[in-house]
């Protein structure tokens, strides 16, 4: 059950990151959203929780950090994709 929750939250964070970066709801690549969400949640959520002093508990700082981490991963991934096409 925990793995399902992690996957759902990862895809949600990745989708939100893609929306913030300017994609419309119909243009979201859900596979990329899942990957960026999971990586961003791990990195951003873990760092935000540890810096806020919350430890590994589920707190708002970790949730916000997850979306910020997914934003960074999606942005860097977009830059990398554009560079490899050029």
PDB file of N, CA and C in Angstrom:
ATOM      1  N   UNK A   1       0.817  -1.183   0.000  1.00  0.00           N
ATOM      2  CA  UNK A   1       0.000   0.000   0.000  1.00  0.00           C
ATOM      3  C   UNK A   1       0.873   1.265   0.000  1.00  0.00           C
ATOM      4  N   UNK A   2       1.986   1.207   0.712  1.00  0.00           N
ATOM      5  CA  UNK A   2       2.894   2.352   0.763  1.00  0.00           C
ATOM      6  C   UNK A   2       3.493   2.632  -0.611  1.00  0.00           C
ATOM      7  N   UNK A   3       3.840   1.593  -1.338  1.00  0.00           N
ATOM      8  CA  UNK A   3       4.421   1.778  -2.672  1.00  0.00           C
ATOM      9  C   UNK A   3       3.414   2.444  -3.603  1.00  0.00           C
ATOM     10  N   UNK A   4       2.152   2.062  -3.505  1.00  0.00           N
ATOM     11  CA  UNK A   4       1.115   2.680  -4.321  1.00  0.00           C
ATOM     12  C   UNK A   4       0.963   4.163  -3.983  1.00  0.00           C
ATOM     13  N   UNK A   5       1.024   4.493  -2.706  1.00  0.00           N
ATOM     14  CA  UNK A   5       0.936   5.896  -2.284  1.00  0.00           C
ATOM     15  C   UNK A   5       2.135   6.695  -2.789  1.00  0.00           C
ATOM     16  N   UNK A   6       3.318   6.102  -2.745  1.00  0.00           N
ATOM     17  CA  UNK A   6       4.526   6.782  -3.235  1.00  0.00           C
ATOM     18  C   UNK A   6       4.416   7.029  -4.737  1.00  0.00           C
ATOM     19  N   UNK A   7       3.945   6.043  -5.488  1.00  0.00           N
ATOM     20  CA  UNK A   7       3.783   6.210  -6.925  1.00  0.00           C
ATOM     21  C   UNK A   7       2.744   7.285  -7.255  1.00  0.00           C
ATOM     22  N   UNK A   8       1.635   7.280  -6.529  1.00  0.00           N
ATOM     23  CA  UNK A   8       0.589   8.288  -6.766  1.00  0.00           C
ATOM     24  C   UNK A   8       1.101   9.687  -6.455  1.00  0.00           C
ATOM     25  N   UNK A   9       1.803   9.839  -5.346  1.00  0.00           N
ATOM     26  CA  UNK A   9       2.316  11.149  -5.001  1.00  0.00           C
ATOM     27  C   UNK A   9       3.401  11.591  -5.974  1.00  0.00           C
ATOM     28  N   UNK A  10       4.220  10.664  -6.428  1.00  0.00           N
ATOM     29  CA  UNK A  10       5.261  10.987  -7.398  1.00  0.00           C
ATOM     30  C   UNK A  10       4.680  11.485  -8.705  1.00  0.00           C
ATOM     31  N   UNK A  11       3.645  10.816  -9.197  1.00  0.00           N
ATOM     32  CA  UNK A  11       3.049  11.246 -10.458  1.00  0.00           C
ATOM     33  C   UNK A  11       2.310  12.569 -10.276  1.00  0.00           C
ATOM     34  N   UNK A  12       1.743  12.788  -9.105  1.00  0.00           N
ATOM     35  CA  UNK A  12       1.079  14.065  -8.825  1.00  0.00           C
ATOM     36  C   UNK A  12       2.091  15.212  -8.773  1.00  0.00           C
ATOM     37  N   UNK A  13       3.201  15.002  -8.092  1.00  0.00           N
ATOM     38  CA  UNK A  13       4.238  16.042  -8.005  1.00  0.00           C
ATOM     39  C   UNK A  13       4.838  16.325  -9.376  1.00  0.00           C
ATOM     40  N   UNK A  14       5.070  15.302 -10.174  1.00  0.00           N
ATOM     41  CA  UNK A  14       5.601  15.487 -11.526  1.00  0.00           C
ATOM     42  C   UNK A  14       4.618  16.199 -12.434  1.00  0.00           C
ATOM     43  N   UNK A  15       3.335  15.872 -12.308  1.00  0.00           N
ATOM     44  CA  UNK A  15       2.310  16.549 -13.097  1.00  0.00           C
ATOM     45  C   UNK A  15       2.193  18.014 -12.739  1.00  0.00           C
ATOM     46  N   UNK A  16       2.235  18.315 -11.445  1.00  0.00           N
ATOM     47  CA  UNK A  16       2.190  19.712 -10.995  1.00  0.00           C
ATOM     48  C   UNK A  16       3.409  20.467 -11.508  1.00  0.00           C
ATOM     49  N   UNK A  17       4.564  19.824 -11.473  1.00  0.00           N
ATOM     50  CA  UNK A  17       5.784  20.462 -11.973  1.00  0.00           C
ATOM     51  C   UNK A  17       5.662  20.784 -13.456  1.00  0.00           C
ATOM     52  N   UNK A  18       5.107  19.868 -14.246  1.00  0.00           N
ATOM     53  CA  UNK A  18       4.949  20.125 -15.672  1.00  0.00           C
ATOM     54  C   UNK A  18       3.934  21.236 -15.923  1.00  0.00           C
ATOM     55  N   UNK A  19       2.881  21.301 -15.106  1.00  0.00           N
ATOM     56  CA  UNK A  19       1.905  22.388 -15.250  1.00  0.00           C
ATOM     57  C   UNK A  19       2.542  23.738 -14.933  1.00  0.00           C
ATOM     58  N   UNK A  20       3.350  23.786 -13.893  1.00  0.00           N
ATOM     59  CA  UNK A  20       4.018  25.036 -13.522  1.00  0.00           C
ATOM     60  C   UNK A  20       5.001  25.462 -14.606  1.00  0.00           C
ATOM     61  N   UNK A  21       5.639  24.495 -15.254  1.00  0.00           N
ATOM     62  CA  UNK A  21       6.603  24.812 -16.311  1.00  0.00           C
ATOM     63  C   UNK A  21       5.942  25.174 -17.637  1.00  0.00           C
ATOM     64  N   UNK A  22       4.613  25.178 -17.704  1.00  0.00           N
ATOM     65  CA  UNK A  22       3.923  25.702 -18.871  1.00  0.00           C
ATOM     66  C   UNK A  22       3.217  24.709 -19.764  1.00  0.00           C
ATOM     67  N   UNK A  23       3.163  23.457 -19.403  1.00  0.00           N
ATOM     68  CA  UNK A  23       2.418  22.499 -20.217  1.00  0.00           C
ATOM     69  C   UNK A  23       0.937  22.600 -19.872  1.00  0.00           C
ATOM     70  N   UNK A  24       0.095  22.348 -20.855  1.00  0.00           N
ATOM     71  CA  UNK A  24      -1.337  22.313 -20.568  1.00  0.00           C
ATOM     72  C   UNK A  24      -1.689  20.938 -20.009  1.00  0.00           C
ATOM     73  N   UNK A  25      -2.873  20.823 -19.476  1.00  0.00           N
ATOM     74  CA  UNK A  25      -3.295  19.571 -18.855  1.00  0.00           C
ATOM     75  C   UNK A  25      -3.324  18.431 -19.879  1.00  0.00           C
ATOM     76  N   UNK A  26      -3.631  18.734 -21.137  1.00  0.00           N
ATOM     77  CA  UNK A  26      -3.696  17.699 -22.172  1.00  0.00           C
ATOM     78  C   UNK A  26      -2.312  17.288 -22.672  1.00  0.00           C
ATOM     79  N   UNK A  27      -1.288  18.105 -22.444  1.00  0.00           N
ATOM     80  CA  UNK A  27       0.056  17.830 -22.968  1.00  0.00           C
ATOM     81  C   UNK A  27       0.989  17.177 -21.953  1.00  0.00           C
ATOM     82  N   UNK A  28       0.513  16.851 -20.783  1.00  0.00           N
ATOM     83  CA  UNK A  28       1.382  16.262 -19.757  1.00  0.00           C
ATOM     84  C   UNK A  28       1.783  14.850 -20.168  1.00  0.00           C
ATOM     85  N   UNK A  29       3.081  14.595 -20.138  1.00  0.00           N
ATOM     86  CA  UNK A  29       3.618  13.257 -20.386  1.00  0.00           C
ATOM     87  C   UNK A  29       3.680  12.547 -19.031  1.00  0.00           C
ATOM     88  N   UNK A  30       2.765  11.608 -18.817  1.00  0.00           N
ATOM     89  CA  UNK A  30       2.624  11.008 -17.489  1.00  0.00           C
ATOM     90  C   UNK A  30       3.799  10.108 -17.122  1.00  0.00           C
ATOM     91  N   UNK A  31       4.460   9.535 -18.108  1.00  0.00           N
ATOM     92  CA  UNK A  31       5.647   8.732 -17.803  1.00  0.00           C
ATOM     93  C   UNK A  31       6.766   9.628 -17.279  1.00  0.00           C
ATOM     94  N   UNK A  32       6.974  10.753 -17.955  1.00  0.00           N
ATOM     95  CA  UNK A  32       7.970  11.713 -17.493  1.00  0.00           C
ATOM     96  C   UNK A  32       7.562  12.295 -16.146  1.00  0.00           C
ATOM     97  N   UNK A  33       6.269  12.531 -15.962  1.00  0.00           N
ATOM     98  CA  UNK A  33       5.776  13.059 -14.696  1.00  0.00           C
ATOM     99  C   UNK A  33       6.080  12.095 -13.552  1.00  0.00           C
ATOM    100  N   UNK A  34       5.905  10.811 -13.804  1.00  0.00           N
ATOM    101  CA  UNK A  34       6.194   9.816 -12.767  1.00  0.00           C
ATOM    102  C   UNK A  34       7.676   9.802 -12.411  1.00  0.00           C
ATOM    103  N   UNK A  35       8.522   9.791 -13.425  1.00  0.00           N
ATOM    104  CA  UNK A  35       9.971   9.725 -13.181  1.00  0.00           C
ATOM    105  C   UNK A  35      10.462  10.995 -12.483  1.00  0.00           C
ATOM    106  N   UNK A  36      10.091  12.167 -13.021  1.00  0.00           N
ATOM    107  CA  UNK A  36      10.534  13.420 -12.395  1.00  0.00           C
ATOM    108  C   UNK A  36       9.932  13.593 -11.014  1.00  0.00           C
ATOM    109  N   UNK A  37       8.706  13.141 -10.842  1.00  0.00           N
ATOM    110  CA  UNK A  37       8.068  13.243  -9.534  1.00  0.00           C
ATOM    111  C   UNK A  37       8.743  12.375  -8.482  1.00  0.00           C
ATOM    112  N   UNK A  38       9.079  11.155  -8.860  1.00  0.00           N
ATOM    113  CA  UNK A  38       9.736  10.260  -7.899  1.00  0.00           C
ATOM    114  C   UNK A  38      11.137  10.742  -7.542  1.00  0.00           C
ATOM    115  N   UNK A  39      11.907  11.129  -8.564  1.00  0.00           N
ATOM    116  CA  UNK A  39      13.259  11.619  -8.293  1.00  0.00           C
ATOM    117  C   UNK A  39      13.208  12.928  -7.522  1.00  0.00           C
ATOM    118  N   UNK A  40      12.342  13.835  -7.965  1.00  0.00           N
ATOM    119  CA  UNK A  40      12.209  15.125  -7.287  1.00  0.00           C
ATOM    120  C   UNK A  40      11.688  14.987  -5.868  1.00  0.00           C
ATOM    121  N   UNK A  41      10.756  14.072  -5.658  1.00  0.00           N
ATOM    122  CA  UNK A  41      10.230  13.847  -4.316  1.00  0.00           C
ATOM    123  C   UNK A  41      11.299  13.305  -3.393  1.00  0.00           C
ATOM    124  N   UNK A  42      12.092  12.407  -3.916  1.00  0.00           N
ATOM    125  CA  UNK A  42      13.155  11.842  -3.086  1.00  0.00           C
ATOM    126  C   UNK A  42      14.164  12.913  -2.702  1.00  0.00           C
ATOM    127  N   UNK A  43      14.663  13.623  -3.692  1.00  0.00           N
ATOM    128  CA  UNK A  43      15.712  14.618  -3.434  1.00  0.00           C
ATOM    129  C   UNK A  43      15.154  15.834  -2.702  1.00  0.00           C
ATOM    130  N   UNK A  44      14.147  16.461  -3.298  1.00  0.00           N
ATOM    131  CA  UNK A  44      13.597  17.691  -2.723  1.00  0.00           C
ATOM    132  C   UNK A  44      12.892  17.474  -1.403  1.00  0.00           C
ATOM    133  N   UNK A  45      12.073  16.435  -1.330  1.00  0.00           N
ATOM    134  CA  UNK A  45      11.342  16.156  -0.095  1.00  0.00           C
ATOM    135  C   UNK A  45      12.256  15.781   1.051  1.00  0.00           C
ATOM    136  N   UNK A  46      13.245  14.977   0.769  1.00  0.00           N
ATOM    137  CA  UNK A  46      14.192  14.567   1.804  1.00  0.00           C
ATOM    138  C   UNK A  46      14.997  15.758   2.306  1.00  0.00           C
ATOM    139  N   UNK A  47      15.505  16.562   1.373  1.00  0.00           N
ATOM    140  CA  UNK A  47      16.299  17.732   1.782  1.00  0.00           C
ATOM    141  C   UNK A  47      15.464  18.749   2.554  1.00  0.00           C
ATOM    142  N   UNK A  48      14.255  19.012   2.082  1.00  0.00           N
ATOM    143  CA  UNK A  48      13.398  19.993   2.764  1.00  0.00           C
ATOM    144  C   UNK A  48      13.015  19.508   4.162  1.00  0.00           C
ATOM    145  N   UNK A  49      12.698  18.238   4.286  1.00  0.00           N
ATOM    146  CA  UNK A  49      12.334  17.700   5.599  1.00  0.00           C
ATOM    147  C   UNK A  49      13.507  17.742   6.569  1.00  0.00           C
ATOM    148  N   UNK A  50      14.685  17.389   6.082  1.00  0.00           N
ATOM    149  CA  UNK A  50      15.853  17.383   6.958  1.00  0.00           C
ATOM    150  C   UNK A  50      16.279  18.805   7.331  1.00  0.00           C
ATOM    151  N   UNK A  51      16.211  19.742   6.377  1.00  0.00           N
ATOM    152  CA  UNK A  51      16.577  21.132   6.674  1.00  0.00           C
ATOM    153  C   UNK A  51      15.577  21.799   7.620  1.00  0.00           C
ATOM    154  N   UNK A  52      14.304  21.412   7.527  1.00  0.00           N
ATOM    155  CA  UNK A  52      13.284  21.990   8.402  1.00  0.00           C
ATOM    156  C   UNK A  52      13.308  21.345   9.789  1.00  0.00           C
ATOM    157  N   UNK A  53      14.047  20.274   9.934  1.00  0.00           N
ATOM    158  CA  UNK A  53      14.138  19.600  11.224  1.00  0.00           C
ATOM    159  C   UNK A  53      12.993  18.646  11.495  1.00  0.00           C
ATOM    160  N   UNK A  54      12.244  18.268  10.449  1.00  0.00           N
ATOM    161  CA  UNK A  54      11.111  17.364  10.619  1.00  0.00           C
ATOM    162  C   UNK A  54      11.516  15.906  10.609  1.00  0.00           C
ATOM    163  N   UNK A  55      12.748  15.637  10.258  1.00  0.00           N
ATOM    164  CA  UNK A  55      13.180  14.253  10.132  1.00  0.00           C
ATOM    165  C   UNK A  55      12.555  13.630   8.906  1.00  0.00           C
ATOM    166  N   UNK A  56      12.196  12.386   8.989  1.00  0.00           N
ATOM    167  CA  UNK A  56      11.612  11.698   7.840  1.00  0.00           C
ATOM    168  C   UNK A  56      10.101  11.592   7.936  1.00  0.00           C
ATOM    169  N   UNK A  57       9.486  12.341   8.837  1.00  0.00           N
ATOM    170  CA  UNK A  57       8.037  12.328   8.977  1.00  0.00           C
ATOM    171  C   UNK A  57       7.388  13.071   7.813  1.00  0.00           C
ATOM    172  N   UNK A  58       6.142  12.735   7.528  1.00  0.00           N
ATOM    173  CA  UNK A  58       5.399  13.383   6.449  1.00  0.00           C
ATOM    174  C   UNK A  58       4.874  14.722   6.951  1.00  0.00           C
ATOM    175  N   UNK A  59       5.470  15.788   6.505  1.00  0.00           N
ATOM    176  CA  UNK A  59       5.126  17.148   6.917  1.00  0.00           C
ATOM    177  C   UNK A  59       4.976  18.028   5.679  1.00  0.00           C
ATOM    178  N   UNK A  60       4.355  19.198   5.818  1.00  0.00           N
ATOM    179  CA  UNK A  60       4.209  20.108   4.673  1.00  0.00           C
ATOM    180  C   UNK A  60       5.536  20.517   4.047  1.00  0.00           C
ATOM    181  N   UNK A  61       6.583  20.651   4.844  1.00  0.00           N
ATOM    182  CA  UNK A  61       7.877  21.036   4.280  1.00  0.00           C
ATOM    183  C   UNK A  61       8.380  19.989   3.297  1.00  0.00           C
ATOM    184  N   UNK A  62       8.154  18.729   3.593  1.00  0.00           N
ATOM    185  CA  UNK A  62       8.557  17.663   2.681  1.00  0.00           C
ATOM    186  C   UNK A  62       7.708  17.628   1.428  1.00  0.00           C
ATOM    187  N   UNK A  63       6.413  17.928   1.562  1.00  0.00           N
ATOM    188  CA  UNK A  63       5.535  17.939   0.397  1.00  0.00           C
ATOM    189  C   UNK A  63       5.874  19.091  -0.534  1.00  0.00           C
ATOM    190  N   UNK A  64       6.143  20.256   0.031  1.00  0.00           N
ATOM    191  CA  UNK A  64       6.538  21.411  -0.780  1.00  0.00           C
ATOM    192  C   UNK A  64       7.896  21.135  -1.427  1.00  0.00           C
ATOM    193  N   UNK A  65       8.805  20.583  -0.675  1.00  0.00           N
ATOM    194  CA  UNK A  65      10.117  20.235  -1.213  1.00  0.00           C
ATOM    195  C   UNK A  65      10.019  19.217  -2.336  1.00  0.00           C
ATOM    196  N   UNK A  66       9.051  18.321  -2.262  1.00  0.00           N
ATOM    197  CA  UNK A  66       8.859  17.330  -3.323  1.00  0.00           C
ATOM    198  C   UNK A  66       8.461  17.987  -4.634  1.00  0.00           C
ATOM    199  N   UNK A  67       7.549  18.942  -4.560  1.00  0.00           N
ATOM    200  CA  UNK A  67       7.129  19.634  -5.781  1.00  0.00           C
ATOM    201  C   UNK A  67       8.270  20.489  -6.327  1.00  0.00           C
ATOM    202  N   UNK A  68       9.008  21.161  -5.448  1.00  0.00           N
ATOM    203  CA  UNK A  68      10.150  21.973  -5.889  1.00  0.00           C
ATOM    204  C   UNK A  68      11.222  21.076  -6.510  1.00  0.00           C
ATOM    205  N   UNK A  69      11.487  19.943  -5.889  1.00  0.00           N
ATOM    206  CA  UNK A  69      12.457  18.998  -6.453  1.00  0.00           C
ATOM    207  C   UNK A  69      12.016  18.476  -7.804  1.00  0.00           C
ATOM    208  N   UNK A  70      10.721  18.176  -7.947  1.00  0.00           N
ATOM    209  CA  UNK A  70      10.201  17.716  -9.238  1.00  0.00           C
ATOM    210  C   UNK A  70      10.301  18.819 -10.286  1.00  0.00           C
ATOM    211  N   UNK A  71      10.089  20.069  -9.876  1.00  0.00           N
ATOM    212  CA  UNK A  71      10.253  21.204 -10.794  1.00  0.00           C
ATOM    213  C   UNK A  71      11.680  21.265 -11.321  1.00  0.00           C
ATOM    214  N   UNK A  72      12.634  21.150 -10.416  1.00  0.00           N
ATOM    215  CA  UNK A  72      14.034  21.220 -10.824  1.00  0.00           C
ATOM    216  C   UNK A  72      14.409  20.072 -11.752  1.00  0.00           C
ATOM    217  N   UNK A  73      13.963  18.877 -11.422  1.00  0.00           N
ATOM    218  CA  UNK A  73      14.286  17.720 -12.249  1.00  0.00           C
ATOM    219  C   UNK A  73      13.622  17.848 -13.620  1.00  0.00           C
ATOM    220  N   UNK A  74      12.373  18.298 -13.678  1.00  0.00           N
ATOM    221  CA  UNK A  74      11.679  18.467 -14.961  1.00  0.00           C
ATOM    222  C   UNK A  74      12.334  19.558 -15.793  1.00  0.00           C
ATOM    223  N   UNK A  75      12.759  20.640 -15.162  1.00  0.00           N
ATOM    224  CA  UNK A  75      13.410  21.733 -15.882  1.00  0.00           C
ATOM    225  C   UNK A  75      14.752  21.289 -16.466  1.00  0.00           C
ATOM    226  N   UNK A  76      15.557  20.633 -15.656  1.00  0.00           N
ATOM    227  CA  UNK A  76      16.855  20.139 -16.130  1.00  0.00           C
ATOM    228  C   UNK A  76      16.656  19.082 -17.212  1.00  0.00           C
ATOM    229  N   UNK A  77      15.666  18.223 -17.056  1.00  0.00           N
ATOM    230  CA  UNK A  77      15.376  17.224 -18.085  1.00  0.00           C
ATOM    231  C   UNK A  77      14.952  17.865 -19.397  1.00  0.00           C
ATOM    232  N   UNK A  78      14.169  18.945 -19.321  1.00  0.00           N
ATOM    233  CA  UNK A  78      13.777  19.669 -20.525  1.00  0.00           C
ATOM    234  C   UNK A  78      14.958  20.320 -21.213  1.00  0.00           C
ATOM    235  N   UNK A  79      15.862  20.893 -20.421  1.00  0.00           N
ATOM    236  CA  UNK A  79      17.068  21.486 -21.001  1.00  0.00           C
ATOM    237  C   UNK A  79      17.929  20.428 -21.676  1.00  0.00           C
ATOM    238  N   UNK A  80      18.072  19.307 -21.035  1.00  0.00           N
ATOM    239  CA  UNK A  80      18.872  18.214 -21.581  1.00  0.00           C
ATOM    240  C   UNK A  80      18.270  17.689 -22.881  1.00  0.00           C
ATOM    241  N   UNK A  81      16.934  17.564 -22.926  1.00  0.00           N
ATOM    242  CA  UNK A  81      16.261  17.071 -24.135  1.00  0.00           C
ATOM    243  C   UNK A  81      16.438  18.067 -25.286  1.00  0.00           C
ATOM    244  N   UNK A  82      16.313  19.358 -24.995  1.00  0.00           N
ATOM    245  CA  UNK A  82      16.504  20.368 -26.045  1.00  0.00           C
ATOM    246  C   UNK A  82      17.947  20.383 -26.556  1.00  0.00           C
ATOM    247  N   UNK A  83      18.885  20.222 -25.660  1.00  0.00           N
ATOM    248  CA  UNK A  83      20.296  20.237 -26.044  1.00  0.00           C
ATOM    249  C   UNK A  83      20.640  19.014 -26.901  1.00  0.00           C
ATOM    250  N   UNK A  84      20.097  17.862 -26.576  1.00  0.00           N
ATOM    251  CA  UNK A  84      20.405  16.655 -27.338  1.00  0.00           C
ATOM    252  C   UNK A  84      19.763  16.678 -28.725  1.00  0.00           C
ATOM    253  N   UNK A  85      18.652  17.413 -28.883  1.00  0.00           N
ATOM    254  CA  UNK A  85      18.019  17.532 -30.195  1.00  0.00           C
ATOM    255  C   UNK A  85      18.765  18.490 -31.110  1.00  0.00           C
ATOM    256  N   UNK A  86      19.456  19.476 -30.522  1.00  0.00           N
ATOM    257  CA  UNK A  86      20.133  20.494 -31.339  1.00  0.00           C
ATOM    258  C   UNK A  86      21.423  20.019 -31.934  1.00  0.00           C
TER     259      UNK A  86
END
